[in-house]
């Protein structure tokens, strides 16, 4: 993904180990680039999940605020063949230098490693 002067795509990779216990909540933090004061979208690509483990995803833009409570992964993941501009779930929150967190809760014991790539669309 390319960047221009007004948009930046910041990436994060999240890995959940094989054998993670059901109901355990994983919180993966990232500090978003404050040079881009707004986050206008989040895209999640499931890179691997050979055990077909189901899980829910939530999001906190800072430690004190939840803007997306846990929801089934199908509401977050990008279907194959979707254009880049259409693959972001719309959000609009201020980037203030706080740690943002992607929240993951597995529905069952994981039977394989789950690897996600998260892409944040940041704008000036």
PDB file of N, CA and C in Angstrom:
ATOM      1  N   UNK A   1       0.842  -1.174   0.000  1.00  0.00           N
ATOM      2  CA  UNK A   1       0.000   0.000   0.000  1.00  0.00           C
ATOM      3  C   UNK A   1       0.883   1.232   0.000  1.00  0.00           C
ATOM      4  N   UNK A   2       0.564   2.136  -0.843  1.00  0.00           N
ATOM      5  CA  UNK A   2       1.370   3.343  -0.933  1.00  0.00           C
ATOM      6  C   UNK A   2       0.857   4.406   0.035  1.00  0.00           C
ATOM      7  N   UNK A   3       1.709   5.350   0.293  1.00  0.00           N
ATOM      8  CA  UNK A   3       1.340   6.467   1.141  1.00  0.00           C
ATOM      9  C   UNK A   3       1.398   7.741   0.307  1.00  0.00           C
ATOM     10  N   UNK A   4       0.554   8.702   0.635  1.00  0.00           N
ATOM     11  CA  UNK A   4       0.718  10.029   0.075  1.00  0.00           C
ATOM     12  C   UNK A   4       0.912  10.967   1.257  1.00  0.00           C
ATOM     13  N   UNK A   5       0.954  12.244   1.017  1.00  0.00           N
ATOM     14  CA  UNK A   5       1.215  13.180   2.108  1.00  0.00           C
ATOM     15  C   UNK A   5       0.124  13.219   3.161  1.00  0.00           C
ATOM     16  N   UNK A   6      -1.097  12.821   2.793  1.00  0.00           N
ATOM     17  CA  UNK A   6      -2.219  12.947   3.712  1.00  0.00           C
ATOM     18  C   UNK A   6      -2.702  11.634   4.300  1.00  0.00           C
ATOM     19  N   UNK A   7      -2.251  10.498   3.771  1.00  0.00           N
ATOM     20  CA  UNK A   7      -2.707   9.185   4.244  1.00  0.00           C
ATOM     21  C   UNK A   7      -1.502   8.296   4.505  1.00  0.00           C
ATOM     22  N   UNK A   8      -1.561   7.577   5.600  1.00  0.00           N
ATOM     23  CA  UNK A   8      -0.521   6.594   5.917  1.00  0.00           C
ATOM     24  C   UNK A   8      -1.218   5.304   6.346  1.00  0.00           C
ATOM     25  N   UNK A   9      -0.666   4.171   5.905  1.00  0.00           N
ATOM     26  CA  UNK A   9      -1.177   2.867   6.305  1.00  0.00           C
ATOM     27  C   UNK A   9      -0.158   2.250   7.259  1.00  0.00           C
ATOM     28  N   UNK A  10      -0.540   2.140   8.525  1.00  0.00           N
ATOM     29  CA  UNK A  10       0.351   1.570   9.534  1.00  0.00           C
ATOM     30  C   UNK A  10      -0.066   0.135   9.803  1.00  0.00           C
ATOM     31  N   UNK A  11       0.892  -0.798   9.754  1.00  0.00           N
ATOM     32  CA  UNK A  11       0.590  -2.228   9.861  1.00  0.00           C
ATOM     33  C   UNK A  11       1.033  -2.793  11.201  1.00  0.00           C
ATOM     34  N   UNK A  12       0.322  -3.863  11.588  1.00  0.00           N
ATOM     35  CA  UNK A  12       0.626  -4.593  12.811  1.00  0.00           C
ATOM     36  C   UNK A  12       0.344  -6.070  12.551  1.00  0.00           C
ATOM     37  N   UNK A  13       1.210  -6.953  13.028  1.00  0.00           N
ATOM     38  CA  UNK A  13       0.969  -8.382  12.912  1.00  0.00           C
ATOM     39  C   UNK A  13       0.692  -8.935  14.306  1.00  0.00           C
ATOM     40  N   UNK A  14      -0.366  -9.741  14.415  1.00  0.00           N
ATOM     41  CA  UNK A  14      -0.758 -10.340  15.684  1.00  0.00           C
ATOM     42  C   UNK A  14      -0.749 -11.852  15.519  1.00  0.00           C
ATOM     43  N   UNK A  15      -0.133 -12.547  16.473  1.00  0.00           N
ATOM     44  CA  UNK A  15      -0.090 -14.000  16.442  1.00  0.00           C
ATOM     45  C   UNK A  15      -0.671 -14.544  17.747  1.00  0.00           C
ATOM     46  N   UNK A  16      -1.592 -15.489  17.617  1.00  0.00           N
ATOM     47  CA  UNK A  16      -2.153 -16.185  18.775  1.00  0.00           C
ATOM     48  C   UNK A  16      -1.690 -17.630  18.685  1.00  0.00           C
ATOM     49  N   UNK A  17      -1.070 -18.112  19.735  1.00  0.00           N
ATOM     50  CA  UNK A  17      -0.438 -19.425  19.722  1.00  0.00           C
ATOM     51  C   UNK A  17      -1.445 -20.571  19.687  1.00  0.00           C
ATOM     52  N   UNK A  18      -0.997 -21.673  19.135  1.00  0.00           N
ATOM     53  CA  UNK A  18      -1.753 -22.923  19.182  1.00  0.00           C
ATOM     54  C   UNK A  18      -1.955 -23.305  20.649  1.00  0.00           C
ATOM     55  N   UNK A  19      -3.164 -23.743  20.991  1.00  0.00           N
ATOM     56  CA  UNK A  19      -3.442 -24.178  22.355  1.00  0.00           C
ATOM     57  C   UNK A  19      -3.882 -23.067  23.286  1.00  0.00           C
ATOM     58  N   UNK A  20      -4.151 -21.868  22.757  1.00  0.00           N
ATOM     59  CA  UNK A  20      -4.663 -20.789  23.602  1.00  0.00           C
ATOM     60  C   UNK A  20      -6.034 -21.201  24.155  1.00  0.00           C
ATOM     61  N   UNK A  21      -6.246 -20.949  25.417  1.00  0.00           N
ATOM     62  CA  UNK A  21      -7.452 -21.392  26.109  1.00  0.00           C
ATOM     63  C   UNK A  21      -8.671 -20.599  25.655  1.00  0.00           C
ATOM     64  N   UNK A  22      -9.817 -21.287  25.564  1.00  0.00           N
ATOM     65  CA  UNK A  22     -11.073 -20.633  25.175  1.00  0.00           C
ATOM     66  C   UNK A  22     -11.408 -19.503  26.142  1.00  0.00           C
ATOM     67  N   UNK A  23     -11.890 -18.400  25.594  1.00  0.00           N
ATOM     68  CA  UNK A  23     -12.313 -17.273  26.407  1.00  0.00           C
ATOM     69  C   UNK A  23     -11.196 -16.354  26.863  1.00  0.00           C
ATOM     70  N   UNK A  24      -9.948 -16.727  26.587  1.00  0.00           N
ATOM     71  CA  UNK A  24      -8.836 -15.858  26.956  1.00  0.00           C
ATOM     72  C   UNK A  24      -8.854 -14.639  26.040  1.00  0.00           C
ATOM     73  N   UNK A  25      -8.708 -13.478  26.627  1.00  0.00           N
ATOM     74  CA  UNK A  25      -8.727 -12.252  25.846  1.00  0.00           C
ATOM     75  C   UNK A  25      -7.300 -11.773  25.610  1.00  0.00           C
ATOM     76  N   UNK A  26      -6.941 -11.683  24.346  1.00  0.00           N
ATOM     77  CA  UNK A  26      -5.625 -11.184  23.952  1.00  0.00           C
ATOM     78  C   UNK A  26      -5.777  -9.719  23.598  1.00  0.00           C
ATOM     79  N   UNK A  27      -4.918  -8.878  24.161  1.00  0.00           N
ATOM     80  CA  UNK A  27      -4.953  -7.450  23.866  1.00  0.00           C
ATOM     81  C   UNK A  27      -3.622  -7.085  23.234  1.00  0.00           C
ATOM     82  N   UNK A  28      -3.647  -6.729  21.956  1.00  0.00           N
ATOM     83  CA  UNK A  28      -2.430  -6.410  21.222  1.00  0.00           C
ATOM     84  C   UNK A  28      -2.363  -4.899  21.007  1.00  0.00           C
ATOM     85  N   UNK A  29      -1.358  -4.272  21.615  1.00  0.00           N
ATOM     86  CA  UNK A  29      -1.263  -2.817  21.598  1.00  0.00           C
ATOM     87  C   UNK A  29      -0.377  -2.306  20.465  1.00  0.00           C
ATOM     88  N   UNK A  30      -0.693  -1.092  20.022  1.00  0.00           N
ATOM     89  CA  UNK A  30       0.121  -0.393  19.031  1.00  0.00           C
ATOM     90  C   UNK A  30       0.008   1.110  19.305  1.00  0.00           C
ATOM     91  N   UNK A  31       1.114   1.820  19.123  1.00  0.00           N
ATOM     92  CA  UNK A  31       1.081   3.273  19.200  1.00  0.00           C
ATOM     93  C   UNK A  31       1.011   3.797  17.773  1.00  0.00           C
ATOM     94  N   UNK A  32      -0.098   4.442  17.445  1.00  0.00           N
ATOM     95  CA  UNK A  32      -0.295   4.958  16.091  1.00  0.00           C
ATOM     96  C   UNK A  32       0.486   6.259  15.903  1.00  0.00           C
ATOM     97  N   UNK A  33       0.893   6.523  14.688  1.00  0.00           N
ATOM     98  CA  UNK A  33       1.715   7.678  14.331  1.00  0.00           C
ATOM     99  C   UNK A  33       0.932   8.981  14.540  1.00  0.00           C
ATOM    100  N   UNK A  34       1.366   9.779  15.523  1.00  0.00           N
ATOM    101  CA  UNK A  34       0.663  11.019  15.862  1.00  0.00           C
ATOM    102  C   UNK A  34       0.823  12.112  14.810  1.00  0.00           C
ATOM    103  N   UNK A  35       1.698  11.897  13.815  1.00  0.00           N
ATOM    104  CA  UNK A  35       1.816  12.854  12.717  1.00  0.00           C
ATOM    105  C   UNK A  35       0.558  12.829  11.840  1.00  0.00           C
ATOM    106  N   UNK A  36      -0.252  11.799  12.011  1.00  0.00           N
ATOM    107  CA  UNK A  36      -1.530  11.655  11.301  1.00  0.00           C
ATOM    108  C   UNK A  36      -2.609  11.622  12.374  1.00  0.00           C
ATOM    109  N   UNK A  37      -3.290  12.746  12.622  1.00  0.00           N
ATOM    110  CA  UNK A  37      -4.129  12.890  13.807  1.00  0.00           C
ATOM    111  C   UNK A  37      -5.464  12.130  13.805  1.00  0.00           C
ATOM    112  N   UNK A  38      -5.849  11.518  12.692  1.00  0.00           N
ATOM    113  CA  UNK A  38      -7.129  10.785  12.643  1.00  0.00           C
ATOM    114  C   UNK A  38      -6.899   9.372  12.123  1.00  0.00           C
ATOM    115  N   UNK A  39      -7.567   8.418  12.736  1.00  0.00           N
ATOM    116  CA  UNK A  39      -7.629   7.063  12.174  1.00  0.00           C
ATOM    117  C   UNK A  39      -9.025   6.928  11.585  1.00  0.00           C
ATOM    118  N   UNK A  40      -9.095   6.667  10.288  1.00  0.00           N
ATOM    119  CA  UNK A  40     -10.386   6.634   9.599  1.00  0.00           C
ATOM    120  C   UNK A  40     -10.805   5.235   9.161  1.00  0.00           C
ATOM    121  N   UNK A  41      -9.984   4.241   9.468  1.00  0.00           N
ATOM    122  CA  UNK A  41     -10.376   2.891   9.098  1.00  0.00           C
ATOM    123  C   UNK A  41      -9.401   1.847   9.603  1.00  0.00           C
ATOM    124  N   UNK A  42      -9.935   0.633   9.800  1.00  0.00           N
ATOM    125  CA  UNK A  42      -9.118  -0.501  10.222  1.00  0.00           C
ATOM    126  C   UNK A  42      -9.473  -1.676   9.320  1.00  0.00           C
ATOM    127  N   UNK A  43      -8.435  -2.357   8.854  1.00  0.00           N
ATOM    128  CA  UNK A  43      -8.590  -3.511   7.991  1.00  0.00           C
ATOM    129  C   UNK A  43      -7.864  -4.688   8.644  1.00  0.00           C
ATOM    130  N   UNK A  44      -8.490  -5.866   8.650  1.00  0.00           N
ATOM    131  CA  UNK A  44      -7.859  -7.041   9.242  1.00  0.00           C
ATOM    132  C   UNK A  44      -7.861  -8.172   8.225  1.00  0.00           C
ATOM    133  N   UNK A  45      -6.678  -8.722   8.000  1.00  0.00           N
ATOM    134  CA  UNK A  45      -6.519  -9.837   7.074  1.00  0.00           C
ATOM    135  C   UNK A  45      -6.066 -11.052   7.884  1.00  0.00           C
ATOM    136  N   UNK A  46      -6.788 -12.150   7.741  1.00  0.00           N
ATOM    137  CA  UNK A  46      -6.393 -13.379   8.422  1.00  0.00           C
ATOM    138  C   UNK A  46      -5.351 -14.083   7.560  1.00  0.00           C
ATOM    139  N   UNK A  47      -4.090 -14.050   8.005  1.00  0.00           N
ATOM    140  CA  UNK A  47      -2.986 -14.629   7.242  1.00  0.00           C
ATOM    141  C   UNK A  47      -2.919 -16.140   7.414  1.00  0.00           C
ATOM    142  N   UNK A  48      -3.257 -16.640   8.607  1.00  0.00           N
ATOM    143  CA  UNK A  48      -3.303 -18.087   8.813  1.00  0.00           C
ATOM    144  C   UNK A  48      -4.241 -18.417   9.961  1.00  0.00           C
ATOM    145  N   UNK A  49      -4.945 -19.523   9.810  1.00  0.00           N
ATOM    146  CA  UNK A  49      -5.838 -20.072  10.826  1.00  0.00           C
ATOM    147  C   UNK A  49      -6.195 -21.476  10.353  1.00  0.00           C
ATOM    148  N   UNK A  50      -5.207 -22.330  10.255  1.00  0.00           N
ATOM    149  CA  UNK A  50      -5.442 -23.661   9.694  1.00  0.00           C
ATOM    150  C   UNK A  50      -6.348 -24.511  10.566  1.00  0.00           C
ATOM    151  N   UNK A  51      -6.508 -24.146  11.828  1.00  0.00           N
ATOM    152  CA  UNK A  51      -7.409 -24.892  12.700  1.00  0.00           C
ATOM    153  C   UNK A  51      -8.830 -24.382  12.648  1.00  0.00           C
ATOM    154  N   UNK A  52      -9.076 -23.352  11.834  1.00  0.00           N
ATOM    155  CA  UNK A  52     -10.417 -22.756  11.676  1.00  0.00           C
ATOM    156  C   UNK A  52     -11.037 -22.387  13.019  1.00  0.00           C
ATOM    157  N   UNK A  53     -10.211 -21.899  13.919  1.00  0.00           N
ATOM    158  CA  UNK A  53     -10.684 -21.466  15.227  1.00  0.00           C
ATOM    159  C   UNK A  53     -11.537 -20.209  15.061  1.00  0.00           C
ATOM    160  N   UNK A  54     -12.658 -20.162  15.752  1.00  0.00           N
ATOM    161  CA  UNK A  54     -13.494 -18.956  15.715  1.00  0.00           C
ATOM    162  C   UNK A  54     -13.085 -18.047  16.871  1.00  0.00           C
ATOM    163  N   UNK A  55     -13.253 -16.764  16.658  1.00  0.00           N
ATOM    164  CA  UNK A  55     -12.885 -15.790  17.670  1.00  0.00           C
ATOM    165  C   UNK A  55     -13.647 -14.504  17.421  1.00  0.00           C
ATOM    166  N   UNK A  56     -13.678 -13.665  18.441  1.00  0.00           N
ATOM    167  CA  UNK A  56     -14.322 -12.361  18.367  1.00  0.00           C
ATOM    168  C   UNK A  56     -13.240 -11.283  18.446  1.00  0.00           C
ATOM    169  N   UNK A  57     -13.547 -10.132  17.851  1.00  0.00           N
ATOM    170  CA  UNK A  57     -12.592  -9.023  17.805  1.00  0.00           C
ATOM    171  C   UNK A  57     -13.263  -7.759  18.330  1.00  0.00           C
ATOM    172  N   UNK A  58     -12.508  -6.987  19.101  1.00  0.00           N
ATOM    173  CA  UNK A  58     -12.948  -5.681  19.564  1.00  0.00           C
ATOM    174  C   UNK A  58     -11.818  -4.684  19.376  1.00  0.00           C
ATOM    175  N   UNK A  59     -12.081  -3.414  19.666  1.00  0.00           N
ATOM    176  CA  UNK A  59     -11.041  -2.400  19.475  1.00  0.00           C
ATOM    177  C   UNK A  59     -11.192  -1.273  20.482  1.00  0.00           C
ATOM    178  N   UNK A  60     -10.031  -0.843  21.013  1.00  0.00           N
ATOM    179  CA  UNK A  60      -9.963   0.319  21.900  1.00  0.00           C
ATOM    180  C   UNK A  60      -8.968   1.315  21.303  1.00  0.00           C
ATOM    181  N   UNK A  61      -9.383   2.552  21.005  1.00  0.00           N
ATOM    182  CA  UNK A  61      -8.450   3.550  20.478  1.00  0.00           C
ATOM    183  C   UNK A  61      -7.487   4.081  21.538  1.00  0.00           C
ATOM    184  N   UNK A  62      -7.829   3.895  22.801  1.00  0.00           N
ATOM    185  CA  UNK A  62      -6.971   4.273  23.920  1.00  0.00           C
ATOM    186  C   UNK A  62      -7.372   3.401  25.108  1.00  0.00           C
ATOM    187  N   UNK A  63      -6.603   3.402  26.184  1.00  0.00           N
ATOM    188  CA  UNK A  63      -6.891   2.493  27.291  1.00  0.00           C
ATOM    189  C   UNK A  63      -8.245   2.701  27.972  1.00  0.00           C
ATOM    190  N   UNK A  64      -8.864   3.854  27.799  1.00  0.00           N
ATOM    191  CA  UNK A  64     -10.096   4.179  28.527  1.00  0.00           C
ATOM    192  C   UNK A  64     -11.373   4.127  27.697  1.00  0.00           C
ATOM    193  N   UNK A  65     -11.280   3.735  26.427  1.00  0.00           N
ATOM    194  CA  UNK A  65     -12.444   3.828  25.544  1.00  0.00           C
ATOM    195  C   UNK A  65     -12.518   2.609  24.630  1.00  0.00           C
ATOM    196  N   UNK A  66     -13.694   1.986  24.594  1.00  0.00           N
ATOM    197  CA  UNK A  66     -13.937   0.883  23.666  1.00  0.00           C
ATOM    198  C   UNK A  66     -14.886   1.401  22.593  1.00  0.00           C
ATOM    199  N   UNK A  67     -14.482   1.344  21.313  1.00  0.00           N
ATOM    200  CA  UNK A  67     -15.387   1.817  20.253  1.00  0.00           C
ATOM    201  C   UNK A  67     -15.963   0.663  19.450  1.00  0.00           C
ATOM    202  N   UNK A  68     -15.458  -0.531  19.671  1.00  0.00           N
ATOM    203  CA  UNK A  68     -16.033  -1.715  19.026  1.00  0.00           C
ATOM    204  C   UNK A  68     -15.905  -2.859  20.019  1.00  0.00           C
ATOM    205  N   UNK A  69     -17.026  -3.192  20.677  1.00  0.00           N
ATOM    206  CA  UNK A  69     -17.012  -4.296  21.611  1.00  0.00           C
ATOM    207  C   UNK A  69     -16.833  -5.589  20.837  1.00  0.00           C
ATOM    208  N   UNK A  70     -16.582  -6.671  21.533  1.00  0.00           N
ATOM    209  CA  UNK A  70     -16.320  -7.946  20.867  1.00  0.00           C
ATOM    210  C   UNK A  70     -17.433  -8.318  19.897  1.00  0.00           C
ATOM    211  N   UNK A  71     -17.045  -8.587  18.662  1.00  0.00           N
ATOM    212  CA  UNK A  71     -17.968  -9.003  17.603  1.00  0.00           C
ATOM    213  C   UNK A  71     -17.327 -10.146  16.839  1.00  0.00           C
ATOM    214  N   UNK A  72     -18.143 -10.990  16.214  1.00  0.00           N
ATOM    215  CA  UNK A  72     -17.629 -12.123  15.466  1.00  0.00           C
ATOM    216  C   UNK A  72     -16.627 -11.676  14.414  1.00  0.00           C
ATOM    217  N   UNK A  73     -15.595 -12.474  14.211  1.00  0.00           N
ATOM    218  CA  UNK A  73     -14.527 -12.123  13.264  1.00  0.00           C
ATOM    219  C   UNK A  73     -15.050 -11.849  11.863  1.00  0.00           C
ATOM    220  N   UNK A  74     -16.177 -12.472  11.483  1.00  0.00           N
ATOM    221  CA  UNK A  74     -16.720 -12.279  10.134  1.00  0.00           C
ATOM    222  C   UNK A  74     -17.094 -10.817   9.869  1.00  0.00           C
ATOM    223  N   UNK A  75     -17.351 -10.049  10.922  1.00  0.00           N
ATOM    224  CA  UNK A  75     -17.677  -8.633  10.760  1.00  0.00           C
ATOM    225  C   UNK A  75     -16.427  -7.777  10.545  1.00  0.00           C
ATOM    226  N   UNK A  76     -15.248  -8.361  10.768  1.00  0.00           N
ATOM    227  CA  UNK A  76     -13.991  -7.635  10.669  1.00  0.00           C
ATOM    228  C   UNK A  76     -13.137  -8.039   9.487  1.00  0.00           C
ATOM    229  N   UNK A  77     -13.109  -9.334   9.181  1.00  0.00           N
ATOM    230  CA  UNK A  77     -12.157  -9.839   8.187  1.00  0.00           C
ATOM    231  C   UNK A  77     -12.543  -9.448   6.770  1.00  0.00           C
ATOM    232  N   UNK A  78     -11.534  -9.250   5.935  1.00  0.00           N
ATOM    233  CA  UNK A  78     -11.743  -8.833   4.550  1.00  0.00           C
ATOM    234  C   UNK A  78     -11.956 -10.056   3.669  1.00  0.00           C
ATOM    235  N   UNK A  79     -13.041 -10.084   2.910  1.00  0.00           N
ATOM    236  CA  UNK A  79     -13.199 -11.179   1.940  1.00  0.00           C
ATOM    237  C   UNK A  79     -12.168 -11.034   0.817  1.00  0.00           C
ATOM    238  N   UNK A  80     -11.765 -12.128   0.222  1.00  0.00           N
ATOM    239  CA  UNK A  80     -10.798 -12.048  -0.881  1.00  0.00           C
ATOM    240  C   UNK A  80     -11.425 -11.343  -2.077  1.00  0.00           C
ATOM    241  N   UNK A  81     -10.594 -10.652  -2.836  1.00  0.00           N
ATOM    242  CA  UNK A  81     -11.044  -9.996  -4.053  1.00  0.00           C
ATOM    243  C   UNK A  81     -11.643  -8.612  -3.848  1.00  0.00           C
ATOM    244  N   UNK A  82     -11.603  -8.082  -2.635  1.00  0.00           N
ATOM    245  CA  UNK A  82     -12.176  -6.764  -2.362  1.00  0.00           C
ATOM    246  C   UNK A  82     -11.127  -5.689  -2.648  1.00  0.00           C
ATOM    247  N   UNK A  83     -11.544  -4.599  -3.308  1.00  0.00           N
ATOM    248  CA  UNK A  83     -10.628  -3.487  -3.594  1.00  0.00           C
ATOM    249  C   UNK A  83     -10.122  -2.870  -2.292  1.00  0.00           C
ATOM    250  N   UNK A  84      -8.874  -2.396  -2.319  1.00  0.00           N
ATOM    251  CA  UNK A  84      -8.261  -1.841  -1.113  1.00  0.00           C
ATOM    252  C   UNK A  84      -9.121  -0.765  -0.458  1.00  0.00           C
ATOM    253  N   UNK A  85      -9.671   0.138  -1.233  1.00  0.00           N
ATOM    254  CA  UNK A  85     -10.450   1.237  -0.656  1.00  0.00           C
ATOM    255  C   UNK A  85     -11.738   0.761   0.009  1.00  0.00           C
ATOM    256  N   UNK A  86     -12.200  -0.438  -0.346  1.00  0.00           N
ATOM    257  CA  UNK A  86     -13.441  -0.962   0.218  1.00  0.00           C
ATOM    258  C   UNK A  86     -13.206  -1.934   1.369  1.00  0.00           C
ATOM    259  N   UNK A  87     -11.945  -2.159   1.732  1.00  0.00           N
ATOM    260  CA  UNK A  87     -11.659  -3.201   2.714  1.00  0.00           C
ATOM    261  C   UNK A  87     -11.453  -2.672   4.128  1.00  0.00           C
ATOM    262  N   UNK A  88     -11.691  -1.399   4.360  1.00  0.00           N
ATOM    263  CA  UNK A  88     -11.512  -0.834   5.691  1.00  0.00           C
ATOM    264  C   UNK A  88     -12.856  -0.675   6.385  1.00  0.00           C
ATOM    265  N   UNK A  89     -12.893  -1.103   7.632  1.00  0.00           N
ATOM    266  CA  UNK A  89     -14.068  -0.837   8.454  1.00  0.00           C
ATOM    267  C   UNK A  89     -13.944   0.616   8.903  1.00  0.00           C
ATOM    268  N   UNK A  90     -14.985   1.393   8.676  1.00  0.00           N
ATOM    269  CA  UNK A  90     -14.921   2.833   8.938  1.00  0.00           C
ATOM    270  C   UNK A  90     -14.915   3.146  10.427  1.00  0.00           C
ATOM    271  N   UNK A  91     -13.963   3.957  10.799  1.00  0.00           N
ATOM    272  CA  UNK A  91     -13.869   4.537  12.131  1.00  0.00           C
ATOM    273  C   UNK A  91     -13.412   5.973  11.932  1.00  0.00           C
ATOM    274  N   UNK A  92     -13.559   6.782  12.951  1.00  0.00           N
ATOM    275  CA  UNK A  92     -13.022   8.137  12.918  1.00  0.00           C
ATOM    276  C   UNK A  92     -12.725   8.538  14.354  1.00  0.00           C
ATOM    277  N   UNK A  93     -11.476   8.378  14.743  1.00  0.00           N
ATOM    278  CA  UNK A  93     -11.098   8.748  16.100  1.00  0.00           C
ATOM    279  C   UNK A  93      -9.745   9.451  16.071  1.00  0.00           C
ATOM    280  N   UNK A  94      -9.514  10.264  17.090  1.00  0.00           N
ATOM    281  CA  UNK A  94      -8.276  11.034  17.183  1.00  0.00           C
ATOM    282  C   UNK A  94      -7.126  10.129  17.603  1.00  0.00           C
ATOM    283  N   UNK A  95      -5.985  10.338  16.971  1.00  0.00           N
ATOM    284  CA  UNK A  95      -4.745   9.649  17.334  1.00  0.00           C
ATOM    285  C   UNK A  95      -3.994  10.600  18.258  1.00  0.00           C
ATOM    286  N   UNK A  96      -3.847  10.211  19.512  1.00  0.00           N
ATOM    287  CA  UNK A  96      -3.269  11.120  20.501  1.00  0.00           C
ATOM    288  C   UNK A  96      -1.967  10.616  21.091  1.00  0.00           C
ATOM    289  N   UNK A  97      -1.409   9.537  20.538  1.00  0.00           N
ATOM    290  CA  UNK A  97      -0.177   8.982  21.084  1.00  0.00           C
ATOM    291  C   UNK A  97      -0.426   7.909  22.129  1.00  0.00           C
ATOM    292  N   UNK A  98      -1.701   7.662  22.451  1.00  0.00           N
ATOM    293  CA  UNK A  98      -2.032   6.578  23.368  1.00  0.00           C
ATOM    294  C   UNK A  98      -1.837   5.235  22.673  1.00  0.00           C
ATOM    295  N   UNK A  99      -1.770   4.183  23.448  1.00  0.00           N
ATOM    296  CA  UNK A  99      -1.706   2.845  22.873  1.00  0.00           C
ATOM    297  C   UNK A  99      -3.115   2.401  22.509  1.00  0.00           C
ATOM    298  N   UNK A 100      -3.335   2.121  21.222  1.00  0.00           N
ATOM    299  CA  UNK A 100      -4.590   1.542  20.762  1.00  0.00           C
ATOM    300  C   UNK A 100      -4.473   0.028  20.905  1.00  0.00           C
ATOM    301  N   UNK A 101      -5.597  -0.664  21.074  1.00  0.00           N
ATOM    302  CA  UNK A 101      -5.554  -2.112  21.304  1.00  0.00           C
ATOM    303  C   UNK A 101      -6.583  -2.840  20.471  1.00  0.00           C
ATOM    304  N   UNK A 102      -6.130  -3.864  19.766  1.00  0.00           N
ATOM    305  CA  UNK A 102      -7.031  -4.809  19.128  1.00  0.00           C
ATOM    306  C   UNK A 102      -7.258  -5.920  20.138  1.00  0.00           C
ATOM    307  N   UNK A 103      -8.515  -6.250  20.375  1.00  0.00           N
ATOM    308  CA  UNK A 103      -8.888  -7.235  21.382  1.00  0.00           C
ATOM    309  C   UNK A 103      -9.373  -8.499  20.694  1.00  0.00           C
ATOM    310  N   UNK A 104      -8.889  -9.653  21.121  1.00  0.00           N
ATOM    311  CA  UNK A 104      -9.289 -10.919  20.510  1.00  0.00           C
ATOM    312  C   UNK A 104      -9.671 -11.891  21.617  1.00  0.00           C
ATOM    313  N   UNK A 105     -10.813 -12.538  21.461  1.00  0.00           N
ATOM    314  CA  UNK A 105     -11.273 -13.540  22.411  1.00  0.00           C
ATOM    315  C   UNK A 105     -11.633 -14.806  21.638  1.00  0.00           C
ATOM    316  N   UNK A 106     -10.958 -15.914  21.928  1.00  0.00           N
ATOM    317  CA  UNK A 106     -11.215 -17.170  21.215  1.00  0.00           C
ATOM    318  C   UNK A 106     -12.441 -17.873  21.812  1.00  0.00           C
ATOM    319  N   UNK A 107     -13.198 -18.540  20.931  1.00  0.00           N
ATOM    320  CA  UNK A 107     -14.407 -19.251  21.362  1.00  0.00           C
ATOM    321  C   UNK A 107     -14.101 -20.664  21.848  1.00  0.00           C
ATOM    322  N   UNK A 108     -12.951 -21.194  21.456  1.00  0.00           N
ATOM    323  CA  UNK A 108     -12.546 -22.550  21.843  1.00  0.00           C
ATOM    324  C   UNK A 108     -11.028 -22.585  21.930  1.00  0.00           C
ATOM    325  N   UNK A 109     -10.485 -23.660  22.455  1.00  0.00           N
ATOM    326  CA  UNK A 109      -9.036 -23.811  22.490  1.00  0.00           C
ATOM    327  C   UNK A 109      -8.531 -23.788  21.049  1.00  0.00           C
ATOM    328  N   UNK A 110      -7.533 -22.960  20.789  1.00  0.00           N
ATOM    329  CA  UNK A 110      -7.026 -22.866  19.421  1.00  0.00           C
ATOM    330  C   UNK A 110      -6.313 -24.158  19.027  1.00  0.00           C
ATOM    331  N   UNK A 111      -6.580 -24.624  17.811  1.00  0.00           N
ATOM    332  CA  UNK A 111      -5.976 -25.859  17.317  1.00  0.00           C
ATOM    333  C   UNK A 111      -4.861 -25.579  16.322  1.00  0.00           C
ATOM    334  N   UNK A 112      -4.580 -24.334  16.080  1.00  0.00           N
ATOM    335  CA  UNK A 112      -3.480 -23.928  15.200  1.00  0.00           C
ATOM    336  C   UNK A 112      -3.151 -22.474  15.520  1.00  0.00           C
ATOM    337  N   UNK A 113      -2.024 -22.027  15.022  1.00  0.00           N
ATOM    338  CA  UNK A 113      -1.636 -20.625  15.189  1.00  0.00           C
ATOM    339  C   UNK A 113      -2.576 -19.751  14.359  1.00  0.00           C
ATOM    340  N   UNK A 114      -3.003 -18.661  14.932  1.00  0.00           N
ATOM    341  CA  UNK A 114      -3.791 -17.664  14.198  1.00  0.00           C
ATOM    342  C   UNK A 114      -2.876 -16.459  13.991  1.00  0.00           C
ATOM    343  N   UNK A 115      -2.743 -16.022  12.743  1.00  0.00           N
ATOM    344  CA  UNK A 115      -1.916 -14.855  12.448  1.00  0.00           C
ATOM    345  C   UNK A 115      -2.771 -13.846  11.700  1.00  0.00           C
ATOM    346  N   UNK A 116      -2.821 -12.626  12.226  1.00  0.00           N
ATOM    347  CA  UNK A 116      -3.610 -11.546  11.633  1.00  0.00           C
ATOM    348  C   UNK A 116      -2.695 -10.395  11.245  1.00  0.00           C
ATOM    349  N   UNK A 117      -3.010  -9.753  10.120  1.00  0.00           N
ATOM    350  CA  UNK A 117      -2.356  -8.502   9.771  1.00  0.00           C
ATOM    351  C   UNK A 117      -3.410  -7.408   9.897  1.00  0.00           C
ATOM    352  N   UNK A 118      -3.101  -6.418  10.703  1.00  0.00           N
ATOM    353  CA  UNK A 118      -4.015  -5.297  10.942  1.00  0.00           C
ATOM    354  C   UNK A 118      -3.427  -4.076  10.266  1.00  0.00           C
ATOM    355  N   UNK A 119      -4.255  -3.366   9.520  1.00  0.00           N
ATOM    356  CA  UNK A 119      -3.809  -2.167   8.824  1.00  0.00           C
ATOM    357  C   UNK A 119      -4.689  -0.993   9.283  1.00  0.00           C
ATOM    358  N   UNK A 120      -4.051   0.036   9.789  1.00  0.00           N
ATOM    359  CA  UNK A 120      -4.747   1.229  10.234  1.00  0.00           C
ATOM    360  C   UNK A 120      -4.573   2.305   9.182  1.00  0.00           C
ATOM    361  N   UNK A 121      -5.704   2.902   8.730  1.00  0.00           N
ATOM    362  CA  UNK A 121      -5.632   4.017   7.774  1.00  0.00           C
ATOM    363  C   UNK A 121      -5.625   5.311   8.577  1.00  0.00           C
ATOM    364  N   UNK A 122      -4.507   6.025   8.523  1.00  0.00           N
ATOM    365  CA  UNK A 122      -4.324   7.275   9.243  1.00  0.00           C
ATOM    366  C   UNK A 122      -4.347   8.432   8.255  1.00  0.00           C
ATOM    367  N   UNK A 123      -4.973   9.537   8.674  1.00  0.00           N
ATOM    368  CA  UNK A 123      -5.084  10.690   7.779  1.00  0.00           C
ATOM    369  C   UNK A 123      -4.762  11.981   8.503  1.00  0.00           C
ATOM    370  N   UNK A 124      -4.262  12.938   7.719  1.00  0.00           N
ATOM    371  CA  UNK A 124      -3.995  14.289   8.223  1.00  0.00           C
ATOM    372  C   UNK A 124      -5.226  15.146   8.069  1.00  0.00           C
TER     373      UNK A 124
END
